[in-house]
PDB file of N, CA and C in Angstrom:
ATOM      1  N   GLN A   1      85.892 105.121  89.751  1.00  0.00           N
ATOM      2  CA  GLN A   1      86.380 103.787  89.366  1.00  0.00           C
ATOM      3  C   GLN A   1      87.004 103.100  90.566  1.00  0.00           C
ATOM      4  N   VAL A   2      86.708 101.802  90.686  1.00  0.00           N
ATOM      5  CA  VAL A   2      87.282 100.970  91.740  1.00  0.00           C
ATOM      6  C   VAL A   2      87.873  99.733  91.082  1.00  0.00           C
ATOM      7  N   GLN A   3      89.072  99.394  91.492  1.00  0.00           N
ATOM      8  CA  GLN A   3      89.703  98.172  91.012  1.00  0.00           C
ATOM      9  C   GLN A   3      89.755  97.170  92.163  1.00  0.00           C
ATOM     10  N   LEU A   4      89.416  95.922  91.862  1.00  0.00           N
ATOM     11  CA  LEU A   4      89.410  94.859  92.857  1.00  0.00           C
ATOM     12  C   LEU A   4      90.329  93.741  92.382  1.00  0.00           C
ATOM     13  N   VAL A   5      91.243  93.336  93.241  1.00  0.00           N
ATOM     14  CA  VAL A   5      92.177  92.264  92.895  1.00  0.00           C
ATOM     15  C   VAL A   5      92.073  91.171  93.940  1.00  0.00           C
ATOM     16  N   GLU A   6      91.650  89.989  93.495  1.00  0.00           N
ATOM     17  CA  GLU A   6      91.505  88.846  94.396  1.00  0.00           C
ATOM     18  C   GLU A   6      92.784  88.014  94.400  1.00  0.00           C
ATOM     19  N   SER A   7      93.000  87.321  95.495  1.00  0.00           N
ATOM     20  CA  SER A   7      94.102  86.379  95.598  1.00  0.00           C
ATOM     21  C   SER A   7      93.742  85.323  96.625  1.00  0.00           C
ATOM     22  N   GLY A   8      94.496  84.215  96.611  1.00  0.00           N
ATOM     23  CA  GLY A   8      94.320  83.200  97.641  1.00  0.00           C
ATOM     24  C   GLY A   8      93.617  81.938  97.205  1.00  0.00           C
ATOM     25  N   GLY A   9      93.159  81.880  95.974  1.00  0.00           N
ATOM     26  CA  GLY A   9      92.517  80.657  95.511  1.00  0.00           C
ATOM     27  C   GLY A   9      93.528  79.541  95.320  1.00  0.00           C
ATOM     28  N   GLY A  10      93.020  78.337  95.027  1.00  0.00           N
ATOM     29  CA  GLY A  10      93.909  77.228  94.790  1.00  0.00           C
ATOM     30  C   GLY A  10      93.200  75.901  94.905  1.00  0.00           C
ATOM     31  N   LEU A  11      93.999  74.853  95.003  1.00  0.00           N
ATOM     32  CA  LEU A  11      93.499  73.489  95.124  1.00  0.00           C
ATOM     33  C   LEU A  11      93.685  73.008  96.553  1.00  0.00           C
ATOM     34  N   VAL A  12      92.641  72.448  97.112  1.00  0.00           N
ATOM     35  CA  VAL A  12      92.699  71.975  98.496  1.00  0.00           C
ATOM     36  C   VAL A  12      91.859  70.706  98.604  1.00  0.00           C
ATOM     37  N   GLN A  13      92.193  69.869  99.557  1.00  0.00           N
ATOM     38  CA  GLN A  13      91.433  68.650  99.777  1.00  0.00           C
ATOM     39  C   GLN A  13      90.191  68.926 100.612  1.00  0.00           C
ATOM     40  N   THR A  14      89.235  68.021 100.525  1.00  0.00           N
ATOM     41  CA  THR A  14      88.030  68.128 101.345  1.00  0.00           C
ATOM     42  C   THR A  14      88.420  68.256 102.820  1.00  0.00           C
ATOM     43  N   GLY A  15      87.772  69.214 103.474  1.00  0.00           N
ATOM     44  CA  GLY A  15      88.064  69.470 104.876  1.00  0.00           C
ATOM     45  C   GLY A  15      89.138  70.503 105.112  1.00  0.00           C
ATOM     46  N   GLY A  16      89.806  70.909 104.055  1.00  0.00           N
ATOM     47  CA  GLY A  16      90.868  71.887 104.169  1.00  0.00           C
ATOM     48  C   GLY A  16      90.355  73.316 104.253  1.00  0.00           C
ATOM     49  N   SER A  17      91.308  74.246 104.284  1.00  0.00           N
ATOM     50  CA  SER A  17      90.975  75.664 104.429  1.00  0.00           C
ATOM     51  C   SER A  17      91.716  76.497 103.392  1.00  0.00           C
ATOM     52  N   LEU A  18      91.109  77.604 103.052  1.00  0.00           N
ATOM     53  CA  LEU A  18      91.734  78.614 102.198  1.00  0.00           C
ATOM     54  C   LEU A  18      91.278  79.982 102.695  1.00  0.00           C
ATOM     55  N   ARG A  19      92.109  80.976 102.437  1.00  0.00           N
ATOM     56  CA  ARG A  19      91.744  82.351 102.762  1.00  0.00           C
ATOM     57  C   ARG A  19      91.871  83.195 101.509  1.00  0.00           C
ATOM     58  N   LEU A  20      90.768  83.772 101.093  1.00  0.00           N
ATOM     59  CA  LEU A  20      90.766  84.656  99.940  1.00  0.00           C
ATOM     60  C   LEU A  20      90.900  86.101 100.408  1.00  0.00           C
ATOM     61  N   SER A  21      91.591  86.890  99.600  1.00  0.00           N
ATOM     62  CA  SER A  21      91.732  88.317  99.872  1.00  0.00           C
ATOM     63  C   SER A  21      91.292  89.099  98.650  1.00  0.00           C
ATOM     64  N   CYS A  22      90.753  90.272  98.890  1.00  0.00           N
ATOM     65  CA  CYS A  22      90.354  91.154  97.804  1.00  0.00           C
ATOM     66  C   CYS A  22      90.766  92.574  98.188  1.00  0.00           C
ATOM     67  N   ALA A  23      91.715  93.108  97.445  1.00  0.00           N
ATOM     68  CA  ALA A  23      92.216  94.449  97.710  1.00  0.00           C
ATOM     69  C   ALA A  23      91.554  95.445  96.769  1.00  0.00           C
ATOM     70  N   ALA A  24      91.010  96.500  97.329  1.00  0.00           N
ATOM     71  CA  ALA A  24      90.344  97.534  96.546  1.00  0.00           C
ATOM     72  C   ALA A  24      91.250  98.754  96.415  1.00  0.00           C
ATOM     73  N   SER A  25      91.192  99.383  95.265  1.00  0.00           N
ATOM     74  CA  SER A  25      91.939 100.623  95.034  1.00  0.00           C
ATOM     75  C   SER A  25      91.109 101.530  94.135  1.00  0.00           C
ATOM     76  N   GLY A  26      91.505 102.787  94.081  1.00  0.00           N
ATOM     77  CA  GLY A  26      90.766 103.754  93.272  1.00  0.00           C
ATOM     78  C   GLY A  26      89.907 104.628  94.152  1.00  0.00           C
ATOM     79  N   SER A  27      88.683 104.882  93.728  1.00  0.00           N
ATOM     80  CA  SER A  27      87.764 105.771  94.455  1.00  0.00           C
ATOM     81  C   SER A  27      87.074 105.019  95.584  1.00  0.00           C
ATOM     82  N   ILE A  28      87.857 104.579  96.530  1.00  0.00           N
ATOM     83  CA  ILE A  28      87.349 103.679  97.565  1.00  0.00           C
ATOM     84  C   ILE A  28      86.552 104.395  98.647  1.00  0.00           C
ATOM     85  N   PHE A  29      86.628 105.720  98.704  1.00  0.00           N
ATOM     86  CA  PHE A  29      85.945 106.426  99.789  1.00  0.00           C
ATOM     87  C   PHE A  29      84.437 106.297  99.688  1.00  0.00           C
ATOM     88  N   ARG A  30      83.925 105.928  98.513  1.00  0.00           N
ATOM     89  CA  ARG A  30      82.485 105.744  98.361  1.00  0.00           C
ATOM     90  C   ARG A  30      82.078 104.274  98.318  1.00  0.00           C
ATOM     91  N   VAL A  31      83.021 103.385  98.647  1.00  0.00           N
ATOM     92  CA  VAL A  31      82.679 101.973  98.686  1.00  0.00           C
ATOM     93  C   VAL A  31      81.878 101.673  99.939  1.00  0.00           C
ATOM     94  N   ASN A  32      80.763 101.022  99.793  1.00  0.00           N
ATOM     95  CA  ASN A  32      79.914 100.656 100.916  1.00  0.00           C
ATOM     96  C   ASN A  32      80.103  99.177 101.237  1.00  0.00           C
ATOM     97  N   ALA A  33      79.122  98.348 100.925  1.00  0.00           N
ATOM     98  CA  ALA A  33      79.259  96.920 101.190  1.00  0.00           C
ATOM     99  C   ALA A  33      80.236  96.278 100.209  1.00  0.00           C
ATOM    100  N   MET A  34      80.879  95.223 100.684  1.00  0.00           N
ATOM    101  CA  MET A  34      81.726  94.391  99.830  1.00  0.00           C
ATOM    102  C   MET A  34      81.325  92.946 100.046  1.00  0.00           C
ATOM    103  N   GLY A  35      81.578  92.127  99.066  1.00  0.00           N
ATOM    104  CA  GLY A  35      81.130  90.751  99.214  1.00  0.00           C
ATOM    105  C   GLY A  35      81.878  89.782  98.331  1.00  0.00           C
ATOM    106  N   TRP A  36      81.556  88.534  98.544  1.00  0.00           N
ATOM    107  CA  TRP A  36      82.096  87.439  97.744  1.00  0.00           C
ATOM    108  C   TRP A  36      80.939  86.672  97.105  1.00  0.00           C
ATOM    109  N   TYR A  37      81.081  86.407  95.829  1.00  0.00           N
ATOM    110  CA  TYR A  37      80.160  85.585  95.079  1.00  0.00           C
ATOM    111  C   TYR A  37      80.956  84.421  94.493  1.00  0.00           C
ATOM    112  N   ARG A  38      80.249  83.397  94.048  1.00  0.00           N
ATOM    113  CA  ARG A  38      80.930  82.297  93.378  1.00  0.00           C
ATOM    114  C   ARG A  38      80.074  81.780  92.226  1.00  0.00           C
ATOM    115  N   GLN A  39      80.767  81.205  91.266  1.00  0.00           N
ATOM    116  CA  GLN A  39      80.078  80.634  90.117  1.00  0.00           C
ATOM    117  C   GLN A  39      80.733  79.314  89.740  1.00  0.00           C
ATOM    118  N   ALA A  40      79.966  78.255  89.872  1.00  0.00           N
ATOM    119  CA  ALA A  40      80.430  76.928  89.479  1.00  0.00           C
ATOM    120  C   ALA A  40      80.055  76.695  88.017  1.00  0.00           C
ATOM    121  N   PRO A  41      80.744  75.773  87.342  1.00  0.00           N
ATOM    122  CA  PRO A  41      80.440  75.506  85.926  1.00  0.00           C
ATOM    123  C   PRO A  41      78.982  75.134  85.731  1.00  0.00           C
ATOM    124  N   GLY A  42      78.333  75.793  84.791  1.00  0.00           N
ATOM    125  CA  GLY A  42      76.947  75.492  84.470  1.00  0.00           C
ATOM    126  C   GLY A  42      75.934  76.050  85.440  1.00  0.00           C
ATOM    127  N   LYS A  43      76.401  76.840  86.413  1.00  0.00           N
ATOM    128  CA  LYS A  43      75.489  77.392  87.412  1.00  0.00           C
ATOM    129  C   LYS A  43      75.551  78.903  87.404  1.00  0.00           C
ATOM    130  N   GLN A  44      74.516  79.508  87.997  1.00  0.00           N
ATOM    131  CA  GLN A  44      74.501  80.959  88.101  1.00  0.00           C
ATOM    132  C   GLN A  44      75.413  81.432  89.225  1.00  0.00           C
ATOM    133  N   ARG A  45      75.866  82.655  89.091  1.00  0.00           N
ATOM    134  CA  ARG A  45      76.664  83.256  90.165  1.00  0.00           C
ATOM    135  C   ARG A  45      75.773  83.432  91.379  1.00  0.00           C
ATOM    136  N   GLU A  46      76.313  83.095  92.550  1.00  0.00           N
ATOM    137  CA  GLU A  46      75.532  83.177  93.777  1.00  0.00           C
ATOM    138  C   GLU A  46      76.315  83.890  94.873  1.00  0.00           C
ATOM    139  N   LEU A  47      75.562  84.530  95.755  1.00  0.00           N
ATOM    140  CA  LEU A  47      76.177  85.208  96.894  1.00  0.00           C
ATOM    141  C   LEU A  47      76.734  84.174  97.862  1.00  0.00           C
ATOM    142  N   VAL A  48      77.953  84.422  98.318  1.00  0.00           N
ATOM    143  CA  VAL A  48      78.555  83.623  99.385  1.00  0.00           C
ATOM    144  C   VAL A  48      78.422  84.363 100.710  1.00  0.00           C
ATOM    145  N   ALA A  49      78.892  85.584 100.737  1.00  0.00           N
ATOM    146  CA  ALA A  49      78.827  86.395 101.944  1.00  0.00           C
ATOM    147  C   ALA A  49      79.080  87.848 101.583  1.00  0.00           C
ATOM    148  N   ASP A  50      78.512  88.751 102.382  1.00  0.00           N
ATOM    149  CA  ASP A  50      78.848  90.157 102.205  1.00  0.00           C
ATOM    150  C   ASP A  50      78.961  90.834 103.560  1.00  0.00           C
ATOM    151  N   ILE A  51      79.555  92.021 103.537  1.00  0.00           N
ATOM    152  CA  ILE A  51      79.834  92.740 104.775  1.00  0.00           C
ATOM    153  C   ILE A  51      79.702  94.232 104.501  1.00  0.00           C
ATOM    154  N   THR A  52      79.033  94.936 105.426  1.00  0.00           N
ATOM    155  CA  THR A  52      78.864  96.373 105.276  1.00  0.00           C
ATOM    156  C   THR A  52      80.116  97.100 105.760  1.00  0.00           C
ATOM    157  N   LYS A  53      80.099  98.399 105.578  1.00  0.00           N
ATOM    158  CA  LYS A  53      81.247  99.195 105.992  1.00  0.00           C
ATOM    159  C   LYS A  53      81.460  99.139 107.491  1.00  0.00           C
ATOM    160  N   VAL A  54      80.381  98.941 108.250  1.00  0.00           N
ATOM    161  CA  VAL A  54      80.494  98.892 109.704  1.00  0.00           C
ATOM    162  C   VAL A  54      80.571  97.470 110.235  1.00  0.00           C
ATOM    163  N   GLY A  55      80.629  96.488 109.342  1.00  0.00           N
ATOM    164  CA  GLY A  55      80.909  95.129 109.772  1.00  0.00           C
ATOM    165  C   GLY A  55      79.736  94.180 109.900  1.00  0.00           C
ATOM    166  N   SER A  56      78.557  94.595 109.496  1.00  0.00           N
ATOM    167  CA  SER A  56      77.429  93.665 109.514  1.00  0.00           C
ATOM    168  C   SER A  56      77.595  92.653 108.388  1.00  0.00           C
ATOM    169  N   THR A  57      77.358  91.398 108.705  1.00  0.00           N
ATOM    170  CA  THR A  57      77.623  90.335 107.729  1.00  0.00           C
ATOM    171  C   THR A  57      76.364  89.565 107.363  1.00  0.00           C
ATOM    172  N   ASN A  58      76.453  88.911 106.223  1.00  0.00           N
ATOM    173  CA  ASN A  58      75.353  88.099 105.716  1.00  0.00           C
ATOM    174  C   ASN A  58      75.989  86.924 104.980  1.00  0.00           C
ATOM    175  N   TYR A  59      75.447  85.708 105.208  1.00  0.00           N
ATOM    176  CA  TYR A  59      76.023  84.507 104.614  1.00  0.00           C
ATOM    177  C   TYR A  59      74.956  83.679 103.895  1.00  0.00           C
ATOM    178  N   ALA A  60      75.382  82.991 102.859  1.00  0.00           N
ATOM    179  CA  ALA A  60      74.525  81.976 102.255  1.00  0.00           C
ATOM    180  C   ALA A  60      74.393  80.825 103.244  1.00  0.00           C
ATOM    181  N   ASP A  61      73.237  80.198 103.248  1.00  0.00           N
ATOM    182  CA  ASP A  61      73.016  79.091 104.188  1.00  0.00           C
ATOM    183  C   ASP A  61      74.044  77.985 104.003  1.00  0.00           C
ATOM    184  N   SER A  62      74.480  77.781 102.783  1.00  0.00           N
ATOM    185  CA  SER A  62      75.387  76.667 102.485  1.00  0.00           C
ATOM    186  C   SER A  62      76.774  76.843 103.088  1.00  0.00           C
ATOM    187  N   VAL A  63      77.116  78.061 103.503  1.00  0.00           N
ATOM    188  CA  VAL A  63      78.461  78.298 104.034  1.00  0.00           C
ATOM    189  C   VAL A  63      78.455  78.739 105.496  1.00  0.00           C
ATOM    190  N   LYS A  64      77.279  78.932 106.067  1.00  0.00           N
ATOM    191  CA  LYS A  64      77.210  79.372 107.461  1.00  0.00           C
ATOM    192  C   LYS A  64      77.904  78.383 108.370  1.00  0.00           C
ATOM    193  N   GLY A  65      78.705  78.908 109.275  1.00  0.00           N
ATOM    194  CA  GLY A  65      79.441  78.070 110.207  1.00  0.00           C
ATOM    195  C   GLY A  65      80.760  77.570 109.659  1.00  0.00           C
ATOM    196  N   ARG A  66      81.000  77.737 108.360  1.00  0.00           N
ATOM    197  CA  ARG A  66      82.263  77.279 107.758  1.00  0.00           C
ATOM    198  C   ARG A  66      83.084  78.448 107.217  1.00  0.00           C
ATOM    199  N   PHE A  67      82.421  79.448 106.690  1.00  0.00           N
ATOM    200  CA  PHE A  67      83.119  80.590 106.084  1.00  0.00           C
ATOM    201  C   PHE A  67      82.946  81.825 106.974  1.00  0.00           C
ATOM    202  N   THR A  68      83.961  82.664 106.963  1.00  0.00           N
ATOM    203  CA  THR A  68      83.899  83.923 107.700  1.00  0.00           C
ATOM    204  C   THR A  68      84.391  85.053 106.811  1.00  0.00           C
ATOM    205  N   ILE A  69      83.563  86.072 106.659  1.00  0.00           N
ATOM    206  CA  ILE A  69      83.972  87.260 105.908  1.00  0.00           C
ATOM    207  C   ILE A  69      84.403  88.329 106.893  1.00  0.00           C
ATOM    208  N   SER A  70      85.454  89.033 106.537  1.00  0.00           N
ATOM    209  CA  SER A  70      85.924  90.130 107.384  1.00  0.00           C
ATOM    210  C   SER A  70      86.459  91.243 106.489  1.00  0.00           C
ATOM    211  N   ARG A  71      86.681  92.372 107.117  1.00  0.00           N
ATOM    212  CA  ARG A  71      87.051  93.551 106.321  1.00  0.00           C
ATOM    213  C   ARG A  71      88.017  94.404 107.117  1.00  0.00           C
ATOM    214  N   ASP A  72      89.056  94.866 106.473  1.00  0.00           N
ATOM    215  CA  ASP A  72      90.011  95.785 107.071  1.00  0.00           C
ATOM    216  C   ASP A  72      89.908  97.087 106.290  1.00  0.00           C
ATOM    217  N   ASN A  73      89.166  98.047 106.821  1.00  0.00           N
ATOM    218  CA  ASN A  73      88.949  99.301 106.099  1.00  0.00           C
ATOM    219  C   ASN A  73      90.238 100.101 105.932  1.00  0.00           C
ATOM    220  N   ALA A  74      91.165  99.956 106.867  1.00  0.00           N
ATOM    221  CA  ALA A  74      92.442 100.671 106.761  1.00  0.00           C
ATOM    222  C   ALA A  74      93.259 100.167 105.575  1.00  0.00           C
ATOM    223  N   LYS A  75      93.106  98.885 105.265  1.00  0.00           N
ATOM    224  CA  LYS A  75      93.843  98.283 104.148  1.00  0.00           C
ATOM    225  C   LYS A  75      92.975  98.154 102.893  1.00  0.00           C
ATOM    226  N   ASN A  76      91.713  98.585 103.008  1.00  0.00           N
ATOM    227  CA  ASN A  76      90.776  98.489 101.869  1.00  0.00           C
ATOM    228  C   ASN A  76      90.716  97.070 101.330  1.00  0.00           C
ATOM    229  N   THR A  77      90.663  96.125 102.242  1.00  0.00           N
ATOM    230  CA  THR A  77      90.714  94.715 101.867  1.00  0.00           C
ATOM    231  C   THR A  77      89.599  93.944 102.566  1.00  0.00           C
ATOM    232  N   VAL A  78      89.003  93.030 101.828  1.00  0.00           N
ATOM    233  CA  VAL A  78      88.009  92.131 102.404  1.00  0.00           C
ATOM    234  C   VAL A  78      88.547  90.706 102.270  1.00  0.00           C
ATOM    235  N   TYR A  79      88.268  89.897 103.271  1.00  0.00           N
ATOM    236  CA  TYR A  79      88.782  88.533 103.329  1.00  0.00           C
ATOM    237  C   TYR A  79      87.631  87.536 103.397  1.00  0.00           C
ATOM    238  N   LEU A  80      87.905  86.328 102.945  1.00  0.00           N
ATOM    239  CA  LEU A  80      86.967  85.239 103.117  1.00  0.00           C
ATOM    240  C   LEU A  80      87.754  84.031 103.610  1.00  0.00           C
ATOM    241  N   GLN A  81      87.582  83.722 104.892  1.00  0.00           N
ATOM    242  CA  GLN A  81      88.211  82.533 105.466  1.00  0.00           C
ATOM    243  C   GLN A  81      87.270  81.365 105.244  1.00  0.00           C
ATOM    244  N   MET A  82      87.758  80.357 104.558  1.00  0.00           N
ATOM    245  CA  MET A  82      86.927  79.202 104.208  1.00  0.00           C
ATOM    246  C   MET A  82      87.500  77.963 104.889  1.00  0.00           C
ATOM    247  N   ASN A  83      86.722  77.393 105.782  1.00  0.00           N
ATOM    248  CA  ASN A  83      87.127  76.187 106.501  1.00  0.00           C
ATOM    249  C   ASN A  83      86.191  75.037 106.151  1.00  0.00           C
ATOM    250  N   SER A  84      86.626  73.836 106.477  1.00  0.00           N
ATOM    251  CA  SER A  84      85.809  72.641 106.225  1.00  0.00           C
ATOM    252  C   SER A  84      85.279  72.621 104.799  1.00  0.00           C
ATOM    253  N   LEU A  85      86.169  72.844 103.863  1.00  0.00           N
ATOM    254  CA  LEU A  85      85.758  72.953 102.463  1.00  0.00           C
ATOM    255  C   LEU A  85      85.241  71.622 101.925  1.00  0.00           C
ATOM    256  N   LYS A  86      84.268  71.736 101.037  1.00  0.00           N
ATOM    257  CA  LYS A  86      83.625  70.583 100.422  1.00  0.00           C
ATOM    258  C   LYS A  86      83.784  70.669  98.906  1.00  0.00           C
ATOM    259  N   PRO A  87      83.690  69.534  98.211  1.00  0.00           N
ATOM    260  CA  PRO A  87      83.780  69.584  96.744  1.00  0.00           C
ATOM    261  C   PRO A  87      82.761  70.534  96.114  1.00  0.00           C
ATOM    262  N   GLU A  88      81.604  70.670  96.729  1.00  0.00           N
ATOM    263  CA  GLU A  88      80.584  71.560  96.171  1.00  0.00           C
ATOM    264  C   GLU A  88      80.937  73.039  96.349  1.00  0.00           C
ATOM    265  N   ASP A  89      82.001  73.333  97.053  1.00  0.00           N
ATOM    266  CA  ASP A  89      82.480  74.712  97.149  1.00  0.00           C
ATOM    267  C   ASP A  89      83.349  75.087  95.950  1.00  0.00           C
ATOM    268  N   THR A  90      83.657  74.112  95.120  1.00  0.00           N
ATOM    269  CA  THR A  90      84.475  74.375  93.935  1.00  0.00           C
ATOM    270  C   THR A  90      83.783  75.363  93.010  1.00  0.00           C
ATOM    271  N   ALA A  91      84.470  76.439  92.698  1.00  0.00           N
ATOM    272  CA  ALA A  91      83.893  77.499  91.869  1.00  0.00           C
ATOM    273  C   ALA A  91      84.946  78.572  91.635  1.00  0.00           C
ATOM    274  N   VAL A  92      84.613  79.503  90.754  1.00  0.00           N
ATOM    275  CA  VAL A  92      85.378  80.737  90.658  1.00  0.00           C
ATOM    276  C   VAL A  92      84.750  81.718  91.644  1.00  0.00           C
ATOM    277  N   TYR A  93      85.560  82.283  92.506  1.00  0.00           N
ATOM    278  CA  TYR A  93      85.084  83.210  93.530  1.00  0.00           C
ATOM    279  C   TYR A  93      85.407  84.641  93.097  1.00  0.00           C
ATOM    280  N   TYR A  94      84.373  85.478  93.148  1.00  0.00           N
ATOM    281  CA  TYR A  94      84.495  86.864  92.725  1.00  0.00           C
ATOM    282  C   TYR A  94      84.243  87.797  93.906  1.00  0.00           C
ATOM    283  N   CYS A  95      85.060  88.791  94.006  1.00  0.00           N
ATOM    284  CA  CYS A  95      84.851  89.856  94.967  1.00  0.00           C
ATOM    285  C   CYS A  95      84.036  90.958  94.298  1.00  0.00           C
ATOM    286  N   ASN A  96      83.147  91.599  95.076  1.00  0.00           N
ATOM    287  CA  ASN A  96      82.486  92.767  94.514  1.00  0.00           C
ATOM    288  C   ASN A  96      82.413  93.885  95.530  1.00  0.00           C
ATOM    289  N   ALA A  97      82.175  95.064  95.026  1.00  0.00           N
ATOM    290  CA  ALA A  97      82.092  96.242  95.885  1.00  0.00           C
ATOM    291  C   ALA A  97      80.961  97.125  95.400  1.00  0.00           C
ATOM    292  N   GLU A  98      80.151  97.567  96.355  1.00  0.00           N
ATOM    293  CA  GLU A  98      79.073  98.513  96.060  1.00  0.00           C
ATOM    294  C   GLU A  98      79.626  99.915  96.212  1.00  0.00           C
ATOM    295  N   TRP A  99      79.485 100.705  95.180  1.00  0.00           N
ATOM    296  CA  TRP A  99      80.035 102.071  95.182  1.00  0.00           C
ATOM    297  C   TRP A  99      78.903 103.060  95.052  1.00  0.00           C
ATOM    298  N   GLY A 100      78.886 104.074  95.878  1.00  0.00           N
ATOM    299  CA  GLY A 100      77.898 105.135  95.762  1.00  0.00           C
ATOM    300  C   GLY A 100      76.525 104.713  96.225  1.00  0.00           C
ATOM    301  N   LEU A 101      75.582 105.642  96.109  1.00  0.00           N
ATOM    302  CA  LEU A 101      74.206 105.425  96.552  1.00  0.00           C
ATOM    303  C   LEU A 101      73.230 105.930  95.503  1.00  0.00           C
ATOM    304  N   GLY A 102      72.002 105.428  95.602  1.00  0.00           N
ATOM    305  CA  GLY A 102      70.928 105.911  94.748  1.00  0.00           C
ATOM    306  C   GLY A 102      71.250 105.795  93.272  1.00  0.00           C
ATOM    307  N   ALA A 103      71.028 106.883  92.554  1.00  0.00           N
ATOM    308  CA  ALA A 103      71.241 106.878  91.106  1.00  0.00           C
ATOM    309  C   ALA A 103      72.719 106.707  90.753  1.00  0.00           C
ATOM    310  N   MET A 104      73.605 106.985  91.705  1.00  0.00           N
ATOM    311  CA  MET A 104      75.046 106.858  91.453  1.00  0.00           C
ATOM    312  C   MET A 104      75.577 105.482  91.806  1.00  0.00           C
ATOM    313  N   ARG A 105      74.720 104.609  92.306  1.00  0.00           N
ATOM    314  CA  ARG A 105      75.181 103.303  92.763  1.00  0.00           C
ATOM    315  C   ARG A 105      75.699 102.462  91.604  1.00  0.00           C
ATOM    316  N   HIS A 106      76.837 101.820  91.883  1.00  0.00           N
ATOM    317  CA  HIS A 106      77.451 100.963  90.861  1.00  0.00           C
ATOM    318  C   HIS A 106      78.121  99.795  91.560  1.00  0.00           C
ATOM    319  N   ILE A 107      78.091  98.621  90.915  1.00  0.00           N
ATOM    320  CA  ILE A 107      78.749  97.435  91.459  1.00  0.00           C
ATOM    321  C   ILE A 107      79.997  97.130  90.632  1.00  0.00           C
ATOM    322  N   TYR A 108      81.104  97.016  91.337  1.00  0.00           N
ATOM    323  CA  TYR A 108      82.362  96.635  90.687  1.00  0.00           C
ATOM    324  C   TYR A 108      82.686  95.182  91.016  1.00  0.00           C
ATOM    325  N   TRP A 109      83.348  94.521  90.074  1.00  0.00           N
ATOM    326  CA  TRP A 109      83.716  93.109  90.230  1.00  0.00           C
ATOM    327  C   TRP A 109      85.210  92.907  90.014  1.00  0.00           C
ATOM    328  N   GLY A 110      85.747  91.959  90.756  1.00  0.00           N
ATOM    329  CA  GLY A 110      87.107  91.527  90.503  1.00  0.00           C
ATOM    330  C   GLY A 110      87.140  90.511  89.368  1.00  0.00           C
ATOM    331  N   GLN A 111      88.351  90.031  89.060  1.00  0.00           N
ATOM    332  CA  GLN A 111      88.513  89.134  87.927  1.00  0.00           C
ATOM    333  C   GLN A 111      88.220  87.681  88.284  1.00  0.00           C
ATOM    334  N   GLY A 112      88.132  87.384  89.551  1.00  0.00           N
ATOM    335  CA  GLY A 112      87.824  86.032  90.002  1.00  0.00           C
ATOM    336  C   GLY A 112      89.058  85.227  90.339  1.00  0.00           C
ATOM    337  N   THR A 113      88.901  84.297  91.265  1.00  0.00           N
ATOM    338  CA  THR A 113      89.978  83.387  91.629  1.00  0.00           C
ATOM    339  C   THR A 113      89.385  81.987  91.777  1.00  0.00           C
ATOM    340  N   GLN A 114      90.078  81.009  91.221  1.00  0.00           N
ATOM    341  CA  GLN A 114      89.561  79.644  91.203  1.00  0.00           C
ATOM    342  C   GLN A 114      89.818  78.949  92.538  1.00  0.00           C
ATOM    343  N   VAL A 115      88.777  78.321  93.058  1.00  0.00           N
ATOM    344  CA  VAL A 115      88.890  77.462  94.231  1.00  0.00           C
ATOM    345  C   VAL A 115      88.439  76.066  93.817  1.00  0.00           C
ATOM    346  N   THR A 116      89.311  75.093  94.015  1.00  0.00           N
ATOM    347  CA  THR A 116      88.988  73.711  93.661  1.00  0.00           C
ATOM    348  C   THR A 116      89.188  72.835  94.896  1.00  0.00           C
ATOM    349  N   VAL A 117      88.142  72.110  95.256  1.00  0.00           N
ATOM    350  CA  VAL A 117      88.189  71.231  96.415  1.00  0.00           C
ATOM    351  C   VAL A 117      88.098  69.794  95.915  1.00  0.00           C
ATOM    352  N   SER A 118      89.132  69.033  96.151  1.00  0.00           N
ATOM    353  CA  SER A 118      89.161  67.653  95.683  1.00  0.00           C
ATOM    354  C   SER A 118      88.573  66.728  96.736  1.00  0.00           C
ATOM    355  N   SER A 119      87.935  65.679  96.264  1.00  0.00           N
ATOM    356  CA  SER A 119      87.295  64.727  97.186  1.00  0.00           C
ATOM    357  C   SER A 119      88.248  63.586  97.547  1.00  0.00           C
TER     358      SER A 119
END
């Protein structure tokens, strides 16, 4: 079992910045990649960015150059620095963690944190 707790969401104006944090606890020794997804009202959940245990990153085209994902393995925490925010970034942001491999692989999700960007 892995527990994920997100923090750092809020209301910000267009062009502003926010930093999201996701702290993992529990059976973290088998956590591999971690990532951030978002879901806007009426839309499907979509990948924002993810990062492997060794730091390889992947970003959605819509956030490249504006968002940065990072990971502190010592603190079992993944971060999402969001700059130059736009109203279309408004969504609930979810942290996830890939646990285990093969038949034992499981994806854990946090409870989500709201990000609202006003125009």
